[in-house]
mmCIF file of all heavy atoms, coordinates in Angstrom:
data_MODEL
# 
_entry.id   MODEL 
# 
loop_
_atom_site.group_PDB 
_atom_site.id 
_atom_site.type_symbol 
_atom_site.label_atom_id 
_atom_site.label_alt_id 
_atom_site.label_comp_id 
_atom_site.label_asym_id 
_atom_site.label_entity_id 
_atom_site.label_seq_id 
_atom_site.pdbx_PDB_ins_code 
_atom_site.Cartn_x 
_atom_site.Cartn_y 
_atom_site.Cartn_z 
_atom_site.occupancy 
_atom_site.B_iso_or_equiv 
_atom_site.pdbx_formal_charge 
_atom_site.auth_seq_id 
_atom_site.auth_comp_id 
_atom_site.auth_asym_id 
_atom_site.auth_atom_id 
_atom_site.pdbx_PDB_model_num 
ATOM 1   N N   . TYR A 1 1  ? 0.846   -1.195  0.000   1.00 0.00 ? 1  TYR A N   1 
ATOM 2   C CA  . TYR A 1 1  ? 0.000   0.000   0.000   1.00 0.00 ? 1  TYR A CA  1 
ATOM 3   C C   . TYR A 1 1  ? 0.885   1.249   0.000   1.00 0.00 ? 1  TYR A C   1 
ATOM 4   O O   . TYR A 1 1  ? 0.599   2.227   -0.702  1.00 0.00 ? 1  TYR A O   1 
ATOM 5   C CB  . TYR A 1 1  ? -0.908  -0.016  1.227   1.00 0.00 ? 1  TYR A CB  1 
ATOM 6   C CG  . TYR A 1 1  ? -1.872  1.147   1.308   1.00 0.00 ? 1  TYR A CG  1 
ATOM 7   C CD1 . TYR A 1 1  ? -3.122  1.075   0.703   1.00 0.00 ? 1  TYR A CD1 1 
ATOM 8   C CD2 . TYR A 1 1  ? -1.546  2.315   1.991   1.00 0.00 ? 1  TYR A CD2 1 
ATOM 9   C CE1 . TYR A 1 1  ? -4.022  2.133   0.770   1.00 0.00 ? 1  TYR A CE1 1 
ATOM 10  C CE2 . TYR A 1 1  ? -2.430  3.385   2.064   1.00 0.00 ? 1  TYR A CE2 1 
ATOM 11  C CZ  . TYR A 1 1  ? -3.666  3.283   1.449   1.00 0.00 ? 1  TYR A CZ  1 
ATOM 12  O OH  . TYR A 1 1  ? -4.539  4.336   1.511   1.00 0.00 ? 1  TYR A OH  1 
ATOM 13  N N   . ALA A 1 2  ? 1.981   1.208   0.773   1.00 0.00 ? 2  ALA A N   1 
ATOM 14  C CA  . ALA A 1 2  ? 2.900   2.339   0.824   1.00 0.00 ? 2  ALA A CA  1 
ATOM 15  C C   . ALA A 1 2  ? 3.822   2.365   -0.391  1.00 0.00 ? 2  ALA A C   1 
ATOM 16  O O   . ALA A 1 2  ? 4.123   3.427   -0.929  1.00 0.00 ? 2  ALA A O   1 
ATOM 17  C CB  . ALA A 1 2  ? 3.730   2.293   2.107   1.00 0.00 ? 2  ALA A CB  1 
ATOM 18  N N   . ALA A 1 3  ? 4.268   1.178   -0.825  1.00 0.00 ? 3  ALA A N   1 
ATOM 19  C CA  . ALA A 1 3  ? 5.289   1.115   -1.875  1.00 0.00 ? 3  ALA A CA  1 
ATOM 20  C C   . ALA A 1 3  ? 4.709   1.242   -3.280  1.00 0.00 ? 3  ALA A C   1 
ATOM 21  O O   . ALA A 1 3  ? 5.374   1.776   -4.180  1.00 0.00 ? 3  ALA A O   1 
ATOM 22  C CB  . ALA A 1 3  ? 6.069   -0.196  -1.763  1.00 0.00 ? 3  ALA A CB  1 
ATOM 23  N N   . HIS A 1 4  ? 3.492   0.737   -3.495  1.00 0.00 ? 4  HIS A N   1 
ATOM 24  C CA  . HIS A 1 4  ? 2.938   0.688   -4.856  1.00 0.00 ? 4  HIS A CA  1 
ATOM 25  C C   . HIS A 1 4  ? 1.614   1.436   -5.010  1.00 0.00 ? 4  HIS A C   1 
ATOM 26  O O   . HIS A 1 4  ? 1.211   1.723   -6.131  1.00 0.00 ? 4  HIS A O   1 
ATOM 27  C CB  . HIS A 1 4  ? 2.750   -0.772  -5.294  1.00 0.00 ? 4  HIS A CB  1 
ATOM 28  C CG  . HIS A 1 4  ? 4.028   -1.538  -5.399  1.00 0.00 ? 4  HIS A CG  1 
ATOM 29  N ND1 . HIS A 1 4  ? 4.870   -1.431  -6.479  1.00 0.00 ? 4  HIS A ND1 1 
ATOM 30  C CD2 . HIS A 1 4  ? 4.617   -2.406  -4.540  1.00 0.00 ? 4  HIS A CD2 1 
ATOM 31  C CE1 . HIS A 1 4  ? 5.924   -2.217  -6.297  1.00 0.00 ? 4  HIS A CE1 1 
ATOM 32  N NE2 . HIS A 1 4  ? 5.798   -2.815  -5.123  1.00 0.00 ? 4  HIS A NE2 1 
ATOM 33  N N   . GLY A 1 5  ? 0.932   1.695   -3.906  1.00 0.00 ? 5  GLY A N   1 
ATOM 34  C CA  . GLY A 1 5  ? -0.293  2.468   -3.993  1.00 0.00 ? 5  GLY A CA  1 
ATOM 35  C C   . GLY A 1 5  ? -1.543  1.610   -4.093  1.00 0.00 ? 5  GLY A C   1 
ATOM 36  O O   . GLY A 1 5  ? -1.509  0.412   -4.407  1.00 0.00 ? 5  GLY A O   1 
ATOM 37  N N   . ARG A 1 6  ? -2.655  2.248   -3.836  1.00 0.00 ? 6  ARG A N   1 
ATOM 38  C CA  . ARG A 1 6  ? -3.956  1.589   -3.790  1.00 0.00 ? 6  ARG A CA  1 
ATOM 39  C C   . ARG A 1 6  ? -4.313  0.910   -5.118  1.00 0.00 ? 6  ARG A C   1 
ATOM 40  O O   . ARG A 1 6  ? -4.879  -0.178  -5.153  1.00 0.00 ? 6  ARG A O   1 
ATOM 41  C CB  . ARG A 1 6  ? -5.022  2.625   -3.428  1.00 0.00 ? 6  ARG A CB  1 
ATOM 42  C CG  . ARG A 1 6  ? -6.410  2.074   -3.242  1.00 0.00 ? 6  ARG A CG  1 
ATOM 43  C CD  . ARG A 1 6  ? -7.397  3.191   -2.907  1.00 0.00 ? 6  ARG A CD  1 
ATOM 44  N NE  . ARG A 1 6  ? -8.705  2.637   -2.599  1.00 0.00 ? 6  ARG A NE  1 
ATOM 45  C CZ  . ARG A 1 6  ? -9.087  2.253   -1.397  1.00 0.00 ? 6  ARG A CZ  1 
ATOM 46  N NH1 . ARG A 1 6  ? -8.248  2.389   -0.377  1.00 0.00 ? 6  ARG A NH1 1 
ATOM 47  N NH2 . ARG A 1 6  ? -10.275 1.752   -1.192  1.00 0.00 ? 6  ARG A NH2 1 
ATOM 48  N N   . GLY A 1 7  ? -3.945  1.548   -6.224  1.00 0.00 ? 7  GLY A N   1 
ATOM 49  C CA  . GLY A 1 7  ? -4.312  0.999   -7.531  1.00 0.00 ? 7  GLY A CA  1 
ATOM 50  C C   . GLY A 1 7  ? -3.702  -0.354  -7.798  1.00 0.00 ? 7  GLY A C   1 
ATOM 51  O O   . GLY A 1 7  ? -4.371  -1.262  -8.332  1.00 0.00 ? 7  GLY A O   1 
ATOM 52  N N   . GLU A 1 8  ? -2.436  -0.539  -7.439  1.00 0.00 ? 8  GLU A N   1 
ATOM 53  C CA  . GLU A 1 8  ? -1.783  -1.821  -7.671  1.00 0.00 ? 8  GLU A CA  1 
ATOM 54  C C   . GLU A 1 8  ? -2.364  -2.916  -6.780  1.00 0.00 ? 8  GLU A C   1 
ATOM 55  O O   . GLU A 1 8  ? -2.472  -4.072  -7.188  1.00 0.00 ? 8  GLU A O   1 
ATOM 56  C CB  . GLU A 1 8  ? -0.278  -1.708  -7.446  1.00 0.00 ? 8  GLU A CB  1 
ATOM 57  C CG  . GLU A 1 8  ? 0.464   -1.019  -8.583  1.00 0.00 ? 8  GLU A CG  1 
ATOM 58  C CD  . GLU A 1 8  ? 0.389   -1.806  -9.887  1.00 0.00 ? 8  GLU A CD  1 
ATOM 59  O OE1 . GLU A 1 8  ? 0.112   -3.027  -9.857  1.00 0.00 ? 8  GLU A OE1 1 
ATOM 60  O OE2 . GLU A 1 8  ? 0.596   -1.192  -10.952 1.00 0.00 ? 8  GLU A OE2 1 
ATOM 61  N N   . LEU A 1 9  ? -2.736  -2.581  -5.534  1.00 0.00 ? 9  LEU A N   1 
ATOM 62  C CA  . LEU A 1 9  ? -3.367  -3.568  -4.669  1.00 0.00 ? 9  LEU A CA  1 
ATOM 63  C C   . LEU A 1 9  ? -4.704  -4.012  -5.254  1.00 0.00 ? 9  LEU A C   1 
ATOM 64  O O   . LEU A 1 9  ? -5.030  -5.205  -5.271  1.00 0.00 ? 9  LEU A O   1 
ATOM 65  C CB  . LEU A 1 9  ? -3.573  -2.996  -3.260  1.00 0.00 ? 9  LEU A CB  1 
ATOM 66  C CG  . LEU A 1 9  ? -2.441  -3.256  -2.259  1.00 0.00 ? 9  LEU A CG  1 
ATOM 67  C CD1 . LEU A 1 9  ? -1.192  -2.468  -2.621  1.00 0.00 ? 9  LEU A CD1 1 
ATOM 68  C CD2 . LEU A 1 9  ? -2.883  -2.919  -0.833  1.00 0.00 ? 9  LEU A CD2 1 
ATOM 69  N N   . THR A 1 10 ? -5.457  -3.057  -5.757  1.00 0.00 ? 10 THR A N   1 
ATOM 70  C CA  . THR A 1 10 ? -6.748  -3.394  -6.373  1.00 0.00 ? 10 THR A CA  1 
ATOM 71  C C   . THR A 1 10 ? -6.551  -4.271  -7.601  1.00 0.00 ? 10 THR A C   1 
ATOM 72  O O   . THR A 1 10 ? -7.303  -5.234  -7.818  1.00 0.00 ? 10 THR A O   1 
ATOM 73  C CB  . THR A 1 10 ? -7.493  -2.103  -6.758  1.00 0.00 ? 10 THR A CB  1 
ATOM 74  O OG1 . THR A 1 10 ? -7.668  -1.299  -5.577  1.00 0.00 ? 10 THR A OG1 1 
ATOM 75  C CG2 . THR A 1 10 ? -8.847  -2.408  -7.368  1.00 0.00 ? 10 THR A CG2 1 
ATOM 76  N N   . ARG A 1 11 ? -5.532  -3.969  -8.382  1.00 0.00 ? 11 ARG A N   1 
ATOM 77  C CA  . ARG A 1 11 ? -5.243  -4.762  -9.572  1.00 0.00 ? 11 ARG A CA  1 
ATOM 78  C C   . ARG A 1 11 ? -4.896  -6.194  -9.201  1.00 0.00 ? 11 ARG A C   1 
ATOM 79  O O   . ARG A 1 11 ? -5.339  -7.157  -9.851  1.00 0.00 ? 11 ARG A O   1 
ATOM 80  C CB  . ARG A 1 11 ? -4.086  -4.118  -10.340 1.00 0.00 ? 11 ARG A CB  1 
ATOM 81  C CG  . ARG A 1 11 ? -3.592  -4.899  -11.544 1.00 0.00 ? 11 ARG A CG  1 
ATOM 82  C CD  . ARG A 1 11 ? -2.374  -4.189  -12.145 1.00 0.00 ? 11 ARG A CD  1 
ATOM 83  N NE  . ARG A 1 11 ? -1.671  -4.827  -13.198 1.00 0.00 ? 11 ARG A NE  1 
ATOM 84  C CZ  . ARG A 1 11 ? -1.118  -6.022  -13.223 1.00 0.00 ? 11 ARG A CZ  1 
ATOM 85  N NH1 . ARG A 1 11 ? -1.264  -6.809  -12.197 1.00 0.00 ? 11 ARG A NH1 1 
ATOM 86  N NH2 . ARG A 1 11 ? -0.426  -6.459  -14.235 1.00 0.00 ? 11 ARG A NH2 1 
ATOM 87  N N   . SER A 1 12 ? -4.094  -6.394  -8.153  1.00 0.00 ? 12 SER A N   1 
ATOM 88  C CA  . SER A 1 12 ? -3.737  -7.739  -7.711  1.00 0.00 ? 12 SER A CA  1 
ATOM 89  C C   . SER A 1 12 ? -4.972  -8.514  -7.271  1.00 0.00 ? 12 SER A C   1 
ATOM 90  O O   . SER A 1 12 ? -5.125  -9.703  -7.585  1.00 0.00 ? 12 SER A O   1 
ATOM 91  C CB  . SER A 1 12 ? -2.727  -7.673  -6.566  1.00 0.00 ? 12 SER A CB  1 
ATOM 92  O OG  . SER A 1 12 ? -1.472  -7.198  -7.016  1.00 0.00 ? 12 SER A OG  1 
ATOM 93  N N   . LEU A 1 13 ? -5.863  -7.856  -6.545  1.00 0.00 ? 13 LEU A N   1 
ATOM 94  C CA  . LEU A 1 13 ? -7.075  -8.525  -6.077  1.00 0.00 ? 13 LEU A CA  1 
ATOM 95  C C   . LEU A 1 13 ? -7.979  -8.913  -7.237  1.00 0.00 ? 13 LEU A C   1 
ATOM 96  O O   . LEU A 1 13 ? -8.561  -10.003 -7.271  1.00 0.00 ? 13 LEU A O   1 
ATOM 97  C CB  . LEU A 1 13 ? -7.827  -7.614  -5.104  1.00 0.00 ? 13 LEU A CB  1 
ATOM 98  C CG  . LEU A 1 13 ? -7.124  -7.366  -3.765  1.00 0.00 ? 13 LEU A CG  1 
ATOM 99  C CD1 . LEU A 1 13 ? -7.835  -6.282  -2.976  1.00 0.00 ? 13 LEU A CD1 1 
ATOM 100 C CD2 . LEU A 1 13 ? -7.066  -8.659  -2.962  1.00 0.00 ? 13 LEU A CD2 1 
ATOM 101 N N   . GLU A 1 14 ? -8.116  -8.025  -8.220  1.00 0.00 ? 14 GLU A N   1 
ATOM 102 C CA  . GLU A 1 14 ? -8.937  -8.341  -9.395  1.00 0.00 ? 14 GLU A CA  1 
ATOM 103 C C   . GLU A 1 14 ? -8.358  -9.515  -10.171 1.00 0.00 ? 14 GLU A C   1 
ATOM 104 O O   . GLU A 1 14 ? -9.089  -10.401 -10.634 1.00 0.00 ? 14 GLU A O   1 
ATOM 105 C CB  . GLU A 1 14 ? -9.052  -7.105  -10.286 1.00 0.00 ? 14 GLU A CB  1 
ATOM 106 C CG  . GLU A 1 14 ? -9.897  -5.995  -9.669  1.00 0.00 ? 14 GLU A CG  1 
ATOM 107 C CD  . GLU A 1 14 ? -9.854  -4.721  -10.497 1.00 0.00 ? 14 GLU A CD  1 
ATOM 108 O OE1 . GLU A 1 14 ? -8.993  -4.634  -11.412 1.00 0.00 ? 14 GLU A OE1 1 
ATOM 109 O OE2 . GLU A 1 14 ? -10.668 -3.813  -10.235 1.00 0.00 ? 14 GLU A OE2 1 
ATOM 110 N N   . ALA A 1 15 ? -7.036  -9.554  -10.309 1.00 0.00 ? 15 ALA A N   1 
ATOM 111 C CA  . ALA A 1 15 ? -6.394  -10.666 -11.016 1.00 0.00 ? 15 ALA A CA  1 
ATOM 112 C C   . ALA A 1 15 ? -6.610  -11.977 -10.272 1.00 0.00 ? 15 ALA A C   1 
ATOM 113 O O   . ALA A 1 15 ? -6.863  -13.024 -10.889 1.00 0.00 ? 15 ALA A O   1 
ATOM 114 C CB  . ALA A 1 15 ? -4.901  -10.387 -11.178 1.00 0.00 ? 15 ALA A CB  1 
ATOM 115 N N   . ALA A 1 16 ? -6.513  -11.940 -8.936  1.00 0.00 ? 16 ALA A N   1 
ATOM 116 C CA  . ALA A 1 16 ? -6.715  -13.151 -8.147  1.00 0.00 ? 16 ALA A CA  1 
ATOM 117 C C   . ALA A 1 16 ? -8.137  -13.670 -8.301  1.00 0.00 ? 16 ALA A C   1 
ATOM 118 O O   . ALA A 1 16 ? -8.362  -14.883 -8.394  1.00 0.00 ? 16 ALA A O   1 
ATOM 119 C CB  . ALA A 1 16 ? -6.404  -12.873 -6.674  1.00 0.00 ? 16 ALA A CB  1 
ATOM 120 N N   . ARG A 1 17 ? -9.101  -12.758 -8.351  1.00 0.00 ? 17 ARG A N   1 
ATOM 121 C CA  . ARG A 1 17 ? -10.502 -13.174 -8.471  1.00 0.00 ? 17 ARG A CA  1 
ATOM 122 C C   . ARG A 1 17 ? -10.816 -13.774 -9.844  1.00 0.00 ? 17 ARG A C   1 
ATOM 123 O O   . ARG A 1 17 ? -11.755 -14.555 -9.989  1.00 0.00 ? 17 ARG A O   1 
ATOM 124 C CB  . ARG A 1 17 ? -11.424 -11.983 -8.197  1.00 0.00 ? 17 ARG A CB  1 
ATOM 125 C CG  . ARG A 1 17 ? -11.408 -11.512 -6.745  1.00 0.00 ? 17 ARG A CG  1 
ATOM 126 C CD  . ARG A 1 17 ? -12.493 -10.485 -6.497  1.00 0.00 ? 17 ARG A CD  1 
ATOM 127 N NE  . ARG A 1 17 ? -12.483 -10.014 -5.115  1.00 0.00 ? 17 ARG A NE  1 
ATOM 128 C CZ  . ARG A 1 17 ? -12.019 -8.841  -4.719  1.00 0.00 ? 17 ARG A CZ  1 
ATOM 129 N NH1 . ARG A 1 17 ? -11.498 -7.997  -5.620  1.00 0.00 ? 17 ARG A NH1 1 
ATOM 130 N NH2 . ARG A 1 17 ? -12.051 -8.486  -3.449  1.00 0.00 ? 17 ARG A NH2 1 
ATOM 131 N N   . ARG A 1 18 ? -10.021 -13.417 -10.848 1.00 0.00 ? 18 ARG A N   1 
ATOM 132 C CA  . ARG A 1 18 ? -10.267 -13.959 -12.192 1.00 0.00 ? 18 ARG A CA  1 
ATOM 133 C C   . ARG A 1 18 ? -9.820  -15.415 -12.317 1.00 0.00 ? 18 ARG A C   1 
ATOM 134 O O   . ARG A 1 18 ? -10.178 -16.080 -13.288 1.00 0.00 ? 18 ARG A O   1 
ATOM 135 C CB  . ARG A 1 18 ? -9.560  -13.107 -13.251 1.00 0.00 ? 18 ARG A CB  1 
ATOM 136 C CG  . ARG A 1 18 ? -10.234 -11.759 -13.507 1.00 0.00 ? 18 ARG A CG  1 
ATOM 137 C CD  . ARG A 1 18 ? -9.731  -11.125 -14.791 1.00 0.00 ? 18 ARG A CD  1 
ATOM 138 N NE  . ARG A 1 18 ? -8.340  -10.740 -14.696 1.00 0.00 ? 18 ARG A NE  1 
ATOM 139 C CZ  . ARG A 1 18 ? -7.909  -9.537  -14.293 1.00 0.00 ? 18 ARG A CZ  1 
ATOM 140 N NH1 . ARG A 1 18 ? -8.811  -8.620  -13.921 1.00 0.00 ? 18 ARG A NH1 1 
ATOM 141 N NH2 . ARG A 1 18 ? -6.629  -9.246  -14.258 1.00 0.00 ? 18 ARG A NH2 1 
ATOM 142 N N   . GLY A 1 19 ? -9.050  -15.905 -11.353 1.00 0.00 ? 19 GLY A N   1 
ATOM 143 C CA  . GLY A 1 19 ? -8.652  -17.310 -11.384 1.00 0.00 ? 19 GLY A CA  1 
ATOM 144 C C   . GLY A 1 19 ? -7.205  -17.504 -11.763 1.00 0.00 ? 19 GLY A C   1 
ATOM 145 O O   . GLY A 1 19 ? -6.440  -16.552 -11.952 1.00 0.00 ? 19 GLY A O   1 
ATOM 146 N N   . VAL A 1 20 ? -6.811  -18.771 -11.887 1.00 0.00 ? 20 VAL A N   1 
ATOM 147 C CA  . VAL A 1 20 ? -5.404  -19.133 -12.106 1.00 0.00 ? 20 VAL A CA  1 
ATOM 148 C C   . VAL A 1 20 ? -5.043  -19.012 -13.579 1.00 0.00 ? 20 VAL A C   1 
ATOM 149 O O   . VAL A 1 20 ? -5.917  -19.053 -14.457 1.00 0.00 ? 20 VAL A O   1 
ATOM 150 C CB  . VAL A 1 20 ? -5.134  -20.560 -11.605 1.00 0.00 ? 20 VAL A CB  1 
ATOM 151 C CG1 . VAL A 1 20 ? -5.449  -20.680 -10.129 1.00 0.00 ? 20 VAL A CG1 1 
ATOM 152 C CG2 . VAL A 1 20 ? -5.943  -21.580 -12.403 1.00 0.00 ? 20 VAL A CG2 1 
ATOM 153 N N   . PRO A 1 21 ? -3.756  -18.876 -13.893 1.00 0.00 ? 21 PRO A N   1 
ATOM 154 C CA  . PRO A 1 21 ? -3.327  -18.807 -15.303 1.00 0.00 ? 21 PRO A CA  1 
ATOM 155 C C   . PRO A 1 21 ? -3.639  -20.108 -16.050 1.00 0.00 ? 21 PRO A C   1 
ATOM 156 O O   . PRO A 1 21 ? -3.551  -21.199 -15.483 1.00 0.00 ? 21 PRO A O   1 
ATOM 157 C CB  . PRO A 1 21 ? -1.808  -18.595 -15.197 1.00 0.00 ? 21 PRO A CB  1 
ATOM 158 C CG  . PRO A 1 21 ? -1.566  -18.084 -13.817 1.00 0.00 ? 21 PRO A CG  1 
ATOM 159 C CD  . PRO A 1 21 ? -2.616  -18.709 -12.966 1.00 0.00 ? 21 PRO A CD  1 
ATOM 160 N N   . ARG A 1 22 ? -3.961  -19.982 -17.300 1.00 0.00 ? 22 ARG A N   1 
ATOM 161 C CA  . ARG A 1 22 ? -4.258  -21.159 -18.139 1.00 0.00 ? 22 ARG A CA  1 
ATOM 162 C C   . ARG A 1 22 ? -3.065  -21.583 -18.977 1.00 0.00 ? 22 ARG A C   1 
ATOM 163 O O   . ARG A 1 22 ? -3.097  -22.627 -19.622 1.00 0.00 ? 22 ARG A O   1 
ATOM 164 C CB  . ARG A 1 22 ? -5.459  -20.860 -19.042 1.00 0.00 ? 22 ARG A CB  1 
ATOM 165 C CG  . ARG A 1 22 ? -6.733  -20.571 -18.261 1.00 0.00 ? 22 ARG A CG  1 
ATOM 166 C CD  . ARG A 1 22 ? -7.901  -20.338 -19.204 1.00 0.00 ? 22 ARG A CD  1 
ATOM 167 N NE  . ARG A 1 22 ? -9.130  -20.053 -18.466 1.00 0.00 ? 22 ARG A NE  1 
ATOM 168 C CZ  . ARG A 1 22 ? -9.952  -20.990 -17.984 1.00 0.00 ? 22 ARG A CZ  1 
ATOM 169 N NH1 . ARG A 1 22 ? -9.651  -22.268 -18.163 1.00 0.00 ? 22 ARG A NH1 1 
ATOM 170 N NH2 . ARG A 1 22 ? -11.040 -20.653 -17.339 1.00 0.00 ? 22 ARG A NH2 1 
ATOM 171 N N   . SER A 1 23 ? -2.017  -20.771 -18.971 1.00 0.00 ? 23 SER A N   1 
ATOM 172 C CA  . SER A 1 23 ? -0.814  -21.121 -19.731 1.00 0.00 ? 23 SER A CA  1 
ATOM 173 C C   . SER A 1 23 ? 0.400   -20.577 -18.993 1.00 0.00 ? 23 SER A C   1 
ATOM 174 O O   . SER A 1 23 ? 0.281   -19.775 -18.064 1.00 0.00 ? 23 SER A O   1 
ATOM 175 C CB  . SER A 1 23 ? -0.879  -20.542 -21.149 1.00 0.00 ? 23 SER A CB  1 
ATOM 176 O OG  . SER A 1 23 ? -0.969  -19.119 -21.107 1.00 0.00 ? 23 SER A OG  1 
ATOM 177 N N   . GLY A 1 24 ? 1.581   -21.019 -19.412 1.00 0.00 ? 24 GLY A N   1 
ATOM 178 C CA  . GLY A 1 24 ? 2.811   -20.545 -18.803 1.00 0.00 ? 24 GLY A CA  1 
ATOM 179 C C   . GLY A 1 24 ? 3.260   -21.424 -17.649 1.00 0.00 ? 24 GLY A C   1 
ATOM 180 O O   . GLY A 1 24 ? 2.661   -22.463 -17.362 1.00 0.00 ? 24 GLY A O   1 
ATOM 181 N N   . PRO A 1 25 ? 4.316   -21.006 -16.946 1.00 0.00 ? 25 PRO A N   1 
ATOM 182 C CA  . PRO A 1 25 ? 4.892   -21.835 -15.879 1.00 0.00 ? 25 PRO A CA  1 
ATOM 183 C C   . PRO A 1 25 ? 3.935   -22.147 -14.730 1.00 0.00 ? 25 PRO A C   1 
ATOM 184 O O   . PRO A 1 25 ? 4.131   -23.130 -14.019 1.00 0.00 ? 25 PRO A O   1 
ATOM 185 C CB  . PRO A 1 25 ? 6.077   -20.986 -15.374 1.00 0.00 ? 25 PRO A CB  1 
ATOM 186 C CG  . PRO A 1 25 ? 6.411   -20.080 -16.501 1.00 0.00 ? 25 PRO A CG  1 
ATOM 187 C CD  . PRO A 1 25 ? 5.117   -19.790 -17.193 1.00 0.00 ? 25 PRO A CD  1 
ATOM 188 N N   . LEU A 1 26 ? 2.922   -21.299 -14.517 1.00 0.00 ? 26 LEU A N   1 
ATOM 189 C CA  . LEU A 1 26 ? 1.986   -21.524 -13.418 1.00 0.00 ? 26 LEU A CA  1 
ATOM 190 C C   . LEU A 1 26 ? 0.696   -22.193 -13.869 1.00 0.00 ? 26 LEU A C   1 
ATOM 191 O O   . LEU A 1 26 ? -0.253  -22.323 -13.085 1.00 0.00 ? 26 LEU A O   1 
ATOM 192 C CB  . LEU A 1 26 ? 1.673   -20.198 -12.718 1.00 0.00 ? 26 LEU A CB  1 
ATOM 193 C CG  . LEU A 1 26 ? 2.823   -19.594 -11.910 1.00 0.00 ? 26 LEU A CG  1 
ATOM 194 C CD1 . LEU A 1 26 ? 2.463   -18.213 -11.392 1.00 0.00 ? 26 LEU A CD1 1 
ATOM 195 C CD2 . LEU A 1 26 ? 3.208   -20.509 -10.749 1.00 0.00 ? 26 LEU A CD2 1 
ATOM 196 N N   . ALA A 1 27 ? 0.648   -22.638 -15.107 1.00 0.00 ? 27 ALA A N   1 
ATOM 197 C CA  . ALA A 1 27 ? -0.529  -23.383 -15.580 1.00 0.00 ? 27 ALA A CA  1 
ATOM 198 C C   . ALA A 1 27 ? -0.623  -24.698 -14.818 1.00 0.00 ? 27 ALA A C   1 
ATOM 199 O O   . ALA A 1 27 ? 0.379   -25.308 -14.465 1.00 0.00 ? 27 ALA A O   1 
ATOM 200 C CB  . ALA A 1 27 ? -0.424  -23.646 -17.072 1.00 0.00 ? 27 ALA A CB  1 
# 
């Protein structure tokens, strides 16, 4: 929150809610 700001935290949460990656090393 201090280092990257509110917008980046919101972006991380939105990405997490969309689910896991379907391709790449974390597929």
